[in-house]
Amino acid sequence: MTEHWFLAAMLALVGLEVVVLGYITYRIHRILERVEAVGAATFLEVRKVLNQPR
């Protein structure tokens, strides 16, 4: 294998790693947004229930 092909293969590998890590980061970001939305909705519902006169 020549040095040129080796460097090209390593560059392709790094590119693939960047794509995979970017996708994983995107998925984690989306999951955290959903968790934040559920937490905010729960907080608002709890606050509404606790503020009701008994």
Protein backbone atom coordinates (compact mmCIF):
# COMPACT_ATOMS: atom_id res chain seq x y z
CA MET A 1 0.00 0.00 0.00
CA THR A 2 1.50 3.32 -0.92
CA GLU A 3 1.65 6.22 1.44
CA HIS A 4 -0.90 8.11 -0.65
CA TRP A 5 -3.50 5.35 -0.37
CA PHE A 6 -2.81 4.95 3.33
CA LEU A 7 -3.36 8.67 3.98
CA ALA A 8 -6.53 8.63 1.85
CA ALA A 9 -7.85 5.66 3.84
CA MET A 10 -7.08 7.35 7.15
CA LEU A 11 -8.79 10.55 5.99
CA ALA A 12 -11.87 8.54 4.99
CA LEU A 13 -11.84 6.84 8.39
CA VAL A 14 -11.66 10.18 10.22
CA GLY A 15 -14.48 11.50 8.04
CA LEU A 16 -16.62 8.49 8.89
CA GLU A 17 -15.91 8.94 12.59
CA VAL A 18 -16.94 12.61 12.39
CA VAL A 19 -20.20 11.66 10.69
CA VAL A 20 -20.99 8.94 13.24
CA LEU A 21 -20.15 11.13 16.24
CA GLY A 22 -22.15 14.00 14.74
CA TYR A 23 -25.19 11.75 14.35
CA ILE A 24 -24.87 10.45 17.91
CA THR A 25 -24.58 14.03 19.19
CA TYR A 26 -27.67 15.03 17.19
CA ARG A 27 -29.69 12.13 18.59
CA ILE A 28 -28.65 12.95 22.16
CA HIS A 29 -29.59 16.59 21.59
CA ARG A 30 -33.05 15.60 20.34
CA ILE A 31 -33.60 13.25 23.29
CA LEU A 32 -32.58 15.96 25.76
CA GLU A 33 -34.98 18.42 24.12
CA ARG A 34 -37.84 15.94 24.62
CA VAL A 35 -36.84 15.33 28.24
CA GLU A 36 -36.71 19.08 28.84
CA ALA A 37 -40.18 19.50 27.32
CA VAL A 38 -41.64 16.75 29.50
CA GLY A 39 -39.99 18.27 32.56
CA ALA A 40 -41.37 21.72 31.78
CA ALA A 41 -44.88 20.37 31.19
CA THR A 42 -44.73 18.41 34.43
CA PHE A 43 -43.52 21.48 36.33
CA LEU A 44 -46.42 23.57 34.97
CA GLU A 45 -48.98 20.90 35.86
CA VAL A 46 -47.60 20.48 39.38
CA ARG A 47 -47.55 24.24 39.91
CA LYS A 48 -51.17 24.46 38.70
CA VAL A 49 -52.28 21.69 41.05
CA LEU A 50 -50.42 23.12 44.03
CA ASN A 51 -51.86 26.61 43.47
CA GLN A 52 -55.48 25.42 43.46
CA PRO A 53 -57.41 26.35 46.60
CA ARG A 54 -58.50 23.41 48.68
